């Protein structure tokens, strides 16, 4: 007899719980739709914020204080309106040095298409000068000093690692970023879409 009461109580409890869930679903249906719409609006706002931060990073690039390897102030804003590949590197960074021949080869391949590669040395002028006397690079190298790390962070390199490569199209849109050594085939695919 106790078993029957327990089973009957369990059936009643399950029915009540199921009814409550069903009622809650119907009553909160409009709230769920409103919440989903709000989530869509939040996702849109996040995408807009990300686009704004990317535009801000590109603007920071154009305004960044850089010098040539012989210490003369330069302006990257001269590259505005052209597709560019920006490679953050340092002379003491093994992977940076290893990828330079591939970057030089790609520069020679894509210069006919108007794509310009630029190396931003997150290093001292002295170190970069000594390095470039030993290694020839087919694209301009500029000195950013350690402020280049802040500029790389603006492009999403929160780890602060090197090398870090950014592809920007002629309209100033970031097309790709890569932390670590480039994959020449993957970079070619991005460059072919510019």
C-alpha atoms as a PDB file:
ATOM      1  CA  UNK A   1       0.000   0.000   0.000  1.00  0.00           C
ATOM      2  CA  UNK A   2       2.827   2.433   0.814  1.00  0.00           C
ATOM      3  CA  UNK A   3       4.395   1.667  -2.548  1.00  0.00           C
ATOM      4  CA  UNK A   4       1.168   2.620  -4.341  1.00  0.00           C
ATOM      5  CA  UNK A   5       0.948   5.905  -2.461  1.00  0.00           C
ATOM      6  CA  UNK A   6       4.567   6.704  -3.234  1.00  0.00           C
ATOM      7  CA  UNK A   7       4.087   5.874  -6.941  1.00  0.00           C
ATOM      8  CA  UNK A   8       0.853   7.882  -7.098  1.00  0.00           C
ATOM      9  CA  UNK A   9       2.562  10.819  -5.374  1.00  0.00           C
ATOM     10  CA  UNK A  10       5.476  10.615  -7.816  1.00  0.00           C
ATOM     11  CA  UNK A  11       3.115  10.590 -10.824  1.00  0.00           C
ATOM     12  CA  UNK A  12       1.218  13.614  -9.473  1.00  0.00           C
ATOM     13  CA  UNK A  13       4.503  15.439  -8.750  1.00  0.00           C
ATOM     14  CA  UNK A  14       5.823  14.704 -12.283  1.00  0.00           C
ATOM     15  CA  UNK A  15       2.561  15.846 -13.838  1.00  0.00           C
ATOM     16  CA  UNK A  16       2.623  19.056 -11.802  1.00  0.00           C
ATOM     17  CA  UNK A  17       6.274  19.701 -12.679  1.00  0.00           C
ATOM     18  CA  UNK A  18       5.597  19.021 -16.365  1.00  0.00           C
ATOM     19  CA  UNK A  19       2.592  21.315 -16.301  1.00  0.00           C
ATOM     20  CA  UNK A  20       4.655  24.010 -14.618  1.00  0.00           C
ATOM     21  CA  UNK A  21       7.418  23.731 -17.223  1.00  0.00           C
ATOM     22  CA  UNK A  22       4.868  23.873 -20.026  1.00  0.00           C
ATOM     23  CA  UNK A  23       3.094  26.875 -18.509  1.00  0.00           C
ATOM     24  CA  UNK A  24       6.407  28.612 -17.930  1.00  0.00           C
ATOM     25  CA  UNK A  25       7.385  27.972 -21.538  1.00  0.00           C
ATOM     26  CA  UNK A  26       4.172  29.511 -22.869  1.00  0.00           C
ATOM     27  CA  UNK A  27       4.237  32.463 -20.475  1.00  0.00           C
ATOM     28  CA  UNK A  28       7.907  33.263 -21.036  1.00  0.00           C
ATOM     29  CA  UNK A  29       7.857  32.699 -24.792  1.00  0.00           C
ATOM     30  CA  UNK A  30       7.711  36.430 -25.491  1.00  0.00           C
ATOM     31  CA  UNK A  31      10.468  37.093 -22.957  1.00  0.00           C
ATOM     32  CA  UNK A  32      12.683  34.523 -24.713  1.00  0.00           C
ATOM     33  CA  UNK A  33      12.069  36.181 -28.076  1.00  0.00           C
ATOM     34  CA  UNK A  34      12.908  39.579 -26.566  1.00  0.00           C
ATOM     35  CA  UNK A  35      16.044  38.134 -24.928  1.00  0.00           C
ATOM     36  CA  UNK A  36      17.144  36.537 -28.215  1.00  0.00           C
ATOM     37  CA  UNK A  37      16.627  39.846 -30.001  1.00  0.00           C
ATOM     38  CA  UNK A  38      18.647  41.580 -27.291  1.00  0.00           C
ATOM     39  CA  UNK A  39      21.391  38.952 -27.698  1.00  0.00           C
ATOM     40  CA  UNK A  40      21.416  39.633 -31.437  1.00  0.00           C
ATOM     41  CA  UNK A  41      21.695  43.341 -30.734  1.00  0.00           C
ATOM     42  CA  UNK A  42      24.556  42.664 -28.308  1.00  0.00           C
ATOM     43  CA  UNK A  43      26.340  40.505 -30.890  1.00  0.00           C
ATOM     44  CA  UNK A  44      25.884  43.282 -33.443  1.00  0.00           C
ATOM     45  CA  UNK A  45      27.205  45.848 -30.969  1.00  0.00           C
ATOM     46  CA  UNK A  46      30.215  43.623 -30.241  1.00  0.00           C
ATOM     47  CA  UNK A  47      30.912  43.261 -33.970  1.00  0.00           C
ATOM     48  CA  UNK A  48      30.648  47.050 -34.363  1.00  0.00           C
ATOM     49  CA  UNK A  49      33.008  47.567 -31.420  1.00  0.00           C
ATOM     50  CA  UNK A  50      35.481  45.114 -32.935  1.00  0.00           C
ATOM     51  CA  UNK A  51      35.296  46.894 -36.302  1.00  0.00           C
ATOM     52  CA  UNK A  52      35.838  50.226 -34.519  1.00  0.00           C
ATOM     53  CA  UNK A  53      38.854  48.843 -32.639  1.00  0.00           C
ATOM     54  CA  UNK A  54      40.314  47.528 -35.919  1.00  0.00           C
ATOM     55  CA  UNK A  55      39.816  50.949 -37.525  1.00  0.00           C
ATOM     56  CA  UNK A  56      41.421  52.503 -34.466  1.00  0.00           C
ATOM     57  CA  UNK A  57      44.409  50.149 -34.795  1.00  0.00           C
ATOM     58  CA  UNK A  58      44.864  51.091 -38.454  1.00  0.00           C
ATOM     59  CA  UNK A  59      44.657  54.787 -37.542  1.00  0.00           C
ATOM     60  CA  UNK A  60      47.281  54.194 -34.838  1.00  0.00           C
ATOM     61  CA  UNK A  61      49.488  52.546 -37.450  1.00  0.00           C
ATOM     62  CA  UNK A  62      49.277  55.587 -39.738  1.00  0.00           C
ATOM     63  CA  UNK A  63      50.144  57.875 -36.820  1.00  0.00           C
ATOM     64  CA  UNK A  64      52.833  55.660 -35.242  1.00  0.00           C
ATOM     65  CA  UNK A  65      56.201  57.314 -34.663  1.00  0.00           C
ATOM     66  CA  UNK A  66      58.689  55.255 -36.664  1.00  0.00           C
ATOM     67  CA  UNK A  67      62.172  55.926 -37.956  1.00  0.00           C
ATOM     68  CA  UNK A  68      64.194  54.530 -40.807  1.00  0.00           C
ATOM     69  CA  UNK A  69      67.128  52.331 -39.829  1.00  0.00           C
ATOM     70  CA  UNK A  70      69.380  55.384 -40.087  1.00  0.00           C
ATOM     71  CA  UNK A  71      67.297  57.283 -37.520  1.00  0.00           C
ATOM     72  CA  UNK A  72      65.240  59.550 -39.806  1.00  0.00           C
ATOM     73  CA  UNK A  73      61.581  60.045 -38.818  1.00  0.00           C
ATOM     74  CA  UNK A  74      59.160  58.355 -41.233  1.00  0.00           C
ATOM     75  CA  UNK A  75      55.401  58.314 -41.715  1.00  0.00           C
ATOM     76  CA  UNK A  76      53.525  55.115 -42.450  1.00  0.00           C
ATOM     77  CA  UNK A  77      50.551  57.236 -43.525  1.00  0.00           C
ATOM     78  CA  UNK A  78      52.205  57.366 -46.966  1.00  0.00           C
ATOM     79  CA  UNK A  79      51.030  53.752 -47.341  1.00  0.00           C
ATOM     80  CA  UNK A  80      47.396  54.682 -46.716  1.00  0.00           C
ATOM     81  CA  UNK A  81      45.174  53.596 -49.617  1.00  0.00           C
ATOM     82  CA  UNK A  82      47.429  50.668 -50.555  1.00  0.00           C
ATOM     83  CA  UNK A  83      47.237  47.024 -49.494  1.00  0.00           C
ATOM     84  CA  UNK A  84      50.010  46.336 -46.987  1.00  0.00           C
ATOM     85  CA  UNK A  85      51.479  43.491 -44.995  1.00  0.00           C
ATOM     86  CA  UNK A  86      52.875  44.678 -41.659  1.00  0.00           C
ATOM     87  CA  UNK A  87      55.308  42.336 -39.939  1.00  0.00           C
ATOM     88  CA  UNK A  88      56.251  43.064 -36.306  1.00  0.00           C
ATOM     89  CA  UNK A  89      59.627  41.485 -35.566  1.00  0.00           C
ATOM     90  CA  UNK A  90      62.867  41.778 -33.595  1.00  0.00           C
ATOM     91  CA  UNK A  91      66.463  40.847 -34.367  1.00  0.00           C
ATOM     92  CA  UNK A  92      66.628  38.602 -31.270  1.00  0.00           C
ATOM     93  CA  UNK A  93      63.482  36.659 -32.312  1.00  0.00           C
ATOM     94  CA  UNK A  94      64.483  33.374 -33.996  1.00  0.00           C
ATOM     95  CA  UNK A  95      61.126  32.723 -35.735  1.00  0.00           C
ATOM     96  CA  UNK A  96      61.118  36.348 -36.994  1.00  0.00           C
ATOM     97  CA  UNK A  97      64.515  35.887 -38.625  1.00  0.00           C
ATOM     98  CA  UNK A  98      63.523  32.482 -40.058  1.00  0.00           C
ATOM     99  CA  UNK A  99      60.459  33.876 -41.859  1.00  0.00           C
ATOM    100  CA  UNK A 100      62.188  36.914 -43.404  1.00  0.00           C
ATOM    101  CA  UNK A 101      63.336  35.113 -46.579  1.00  0.00           C
ATOM    102  CA  UNK A 102      59.737  33.945 -47.206  1.00  0.00           C
ATOM    103  CA  UNK A 103      58.415  37.460 -46.588  1.00  0.00           C
ATOM    104  CA  UNK A 104      61.040  38.878 -48.985  1.00  0.00           C
ATOM    105  CA  UNK A 105      60.055  36.345 -51.647  1.00  0.00           C
ATOM    106  CA  UNK A 106      56.361  37.207 -51.230  1.00  0.00           C
ATOM    107  CA  UNK A 107      57.178  40.942 -51.452  1.00  0.00           C
ATOM    108  CA  UNK A 108      58.915  40.389 -54.788  1.00  0.00           C
ATOM    109  CA  UNK A 109      55.957  38.280 -56.018  1.00  0.00           C
ATOM    110  CA  UNK A 110      53.219  40.711 -54.980  1.00  0.00           C
ATOM    111  CA  UNK A 111      54.841  44.097 -55.580  1.00  0.00           C
ATOM    112  CA  UNK A 112      53.465  43.945 -59.166  1.00  0.00           C
ATOM    113  CA  UNK A 113      49.974  43.904 -57.623  1.00  0.00           C
ATOM    114  CA  UNK A 114      50.794  46.997 -55.564  1.00  0.00           C
ATOM    115  CA  UNK A 115      51.042  45.140 -52.252  1.00  0.00           C
ATOM    116  CA  UNK A 116      53.717  46.558 -49.960  1.00  0.00           C
ATOM    117  CA  UNK A 117      55.365  44.620 -47.130  1.00  0.00           C
ATOM    118  CA  UNK A 118      56.719  46.589 -44.160  1.00  0.00           C
ATOM    119  CA  UNK A 119      58.805  45.345 -41.259  1.00  0.00           C
ATOM    120  CA  UNK A 120      58.334  47.095 -37.914  1.00  0.00           C
ATOM    121  CA  UNK A 121      61.267  46.349 -35.655  1.00  0.00           C
ATOM    122  CA  UNK A 122      60.263  46.089 -32.013  1.00  0.00           C
ATOM    123  CA  UNK A 123      63.915  46.512 -31.178  1.00  0.00           C
ATOM    124  CA  UNK A 124      66.663  49.123 -30.895  1.00  0.00           C
ATOM    125  CA  UNK A 125      67.962  51.027 -33.904  1.00  0.00           C
ATOM    126  CA  UNK A 126      71.470  49.685 -33.230  1.00  0.00           C
ATOM    127  CA  UNK A 127      70.330  46.028 -33.181  1.00  0.00           C
ATOM    128  CA  UNK A 128      68.308  46.455 -36.368  1.00  0.00           C
ATOM    129  CA  UNK A 129      71.200  48.159 -38.190  1.00  0.00           C
ATOM    130  CA  UNK A 130      73.588  45.350 -37.229  1.00  0.00           C
ATOM    131  CA  UNK A 131      71.057  42.720 -38.287  1.00  0.00           C
ATOM    132  CA  UNK A 132      70.372  44.307 -41.694  1.00  0.00           C
ATOM    133  CA  UNK A 133      74.089  44.419 -42.467  1.00  0.00           C
ATOM    134  CA  UNK A 134      74.079  40.608 -42.308  1.00  0.00           C
ATOM    135  CA  UNK A 135      70.614  39.849 -43.725  1.00  0.00           C
ATOM    136  CA  UNK A 136      69.164  41.517 -46.826  1.00  0.00           C
ATOM    137  CA  UNK A 137      65.411  42.131 -46.804  1.00  0.00           C
ATOM    138  CA  UNK A 138      63.342  43.020 -49.903  1.00  0.00           C
ATOM    139  CA  UNK A 139      60.974  45.400 -48.085  1.00  0.00           C
ATOM    140  CA  UNK A 140      61.384  48.518 -45.957  1.00  0.00           C
ATOM    141  CA  UNK A 141      62.220  48.078 -42.295  1.00  0.00           C
ATOM    142  CA  UNK A 142      61.303  50.738 -39.756  1.00  0.00           C
ATOM    143  CA  UNK A 143      62.229  51.031 -36.102  1.00  0.00           C
ATOM    144  CA  UNK A 144      59.361  51.304 -33.607  1.00  0.00           C
ATOM    145  CA  UNK A 145      61.319  50.474 -30.488  1.00  0.00           C
ATOM    146  CA  UNK A 146      59.340  48.803 -27.770  1.00  0.00           C
ATOM    147  CA  UNK A 147      56.334  51.042 -28.555  1.00  0.00           C
ATOM    148  CA  UNK A 148      55.746  48.638 -31.437  1.00  0.00           C
ATOM    149  CA  UNK A 149      54.488  46.089 -28.908  1.00  0.00           C
ATOM    150  CA  UNK A 150      51.672  48.489 -27.954  1.00  0.00           C
ATOM    151  CA  UNK A 151      50.824  48.968 -31.619  1.00  0.00           C
ATOM    152  CA  UNK A 152      50.728  45.178 -32.134  1.00  0.00           C
ATOM    153  CA  UNK A 153      48.366  44.907 -29.132  1.00  0.00           C
ATOM    154  CA  UNK A 154      46.015  47.374 -30.830  1.00  0.00           C
ATOM    155  CA  UNK A 155      45.758  44.818 -33.658  1.00  0.00           C
ATOM    156  CA  UNK A 156      44.806  42.066 -31.195  1.00  0.00           C
ATOM    157  CA  UNK A 157      48.218  40.677 -30.241  1.00  0.00           C
ATOM    158  CA  UNK A 158      47.391  40.566 -26.531  1.00  0.00           C
ATOM    159  CA  UNK A 159      50.080  37.931 -25.931  1.00  0.00           C
ATOM    160  CA  UNK A 160      52.744  40.400 -27.068  1.00  0.00           C
ATOM    161  CA  UNK A 161      54.527  37.649 -29.013  1.00  0.00           C
ATOM    162  CA  UNK A 162      56.634  37.972 -32.139  1.00  0.00           C
ATOM    163  CA  UNK A 163      56.534  37.634 -35.052  1.00  0.00           C
ATOM    164  CA  UNK A 164      53.103  39.117 -35.645  1.00  0.00           C
ATOM    165  CA  UNK A 165      51.798  39.838 -39.131  1.00  0.00           C
ATOM    166  CA  UNK A 166      48.807  41.954 -40.175  1.00  0.00           C
ATOM    167  CA  UNK A 167      47.328  42.228 -43.680  1.00  0.00           C
ATOM    168  CA  UNK A 168      45.432  45.467 -44.374  1.00  0.00           C
ATOM    169  CA  UNK A 169      43.564  46.070 -47.623  1.00  0.00           C
ATOM    170  CA  UNK A 170      43.527  49.320 -49.617  1.00  0.00           C
ATOM    171  CA  UNK A 171      40.384  50.477 -47.772  1.00  0.00           C
ATOM    172  CA  UNK A 172      42.090  50.134 -44.390  1.00  0.00           C
ATOM    173  CA  UNK A 173      40.292  46.921 -43.401  1.00  0.00           C
ATOM    174  CA  UNK A 174      42.234  44.263 -41.519  1.00  0.00           C
ATOM    175  CA  UNK A 175      42.040  41.111 -43.621  1.00  0.00           C
ATOM    176  CA  UNK A 176      44.113  38.811 -41.405  1.00  0.00           C
ATOM    177  CA  UNK A 177      46.408  38.673 -38.407  1.00  0.00           C
ATOM    178  CA  UNK A 178      48.901  35.950 -37.570  1.00  0.00           C
ATOM    179  CA  UNK A 179      50.828  35.469 -34.339  1.00  0.00           C
ATOM    180  CA  UNK A 180      53.886  33.318 -34.979  1.00  0.00           C
ATOM    181  CA  UNK A 181      55.637  32.433 -38.204  1.00  0.00           C
ATOM    182  CA  UNK A 182      53.659  32.926 -41.368  1.00  0.00           C
ATOM    183  CA  UNK A 183      52.479  30.063 -43.529  1.00  0.00           C
ATOM    184  CA  UNK A 184      53.402  31.333 -47.022  1.00  0.00           C
ATOM    185  CA  UNK A 185      50.546  29.383 -48.688  1.00  0.00           C
ATOM    186  CA  UNK A 186      47.944  30.804 -46.278  1.00  0.00           C
ATOM    187  CA  UNK A 187      49.338  34.323 -46.700  1.00  0.00           C
ATOM    188  CA  UNK A 188      49.212  33.927 -50.503  1.00  0.00           C
ATOM    189  CA  UNK A 189      45.523  32.996 -50.255  1.00  0.00           C
ATOM    190  CA  UNK A 190      44.817  36.214 -48.331  1.00  0.00           C
ATOM    191  CA  UNK A 191      46.927  38.333 -50.681  1.00  0.00           C
ATOM    192  CA  UNK A 192      45.189  36.868 -53.749  1.00  0.00           C
ATOM    193  CA  UNK A 193      41.872  38.245 -52.463  1.00  0.00           C
ATOM    194  CA  UNK A 194      43.172  41.832 -52.250  1.00  0.00           C
END
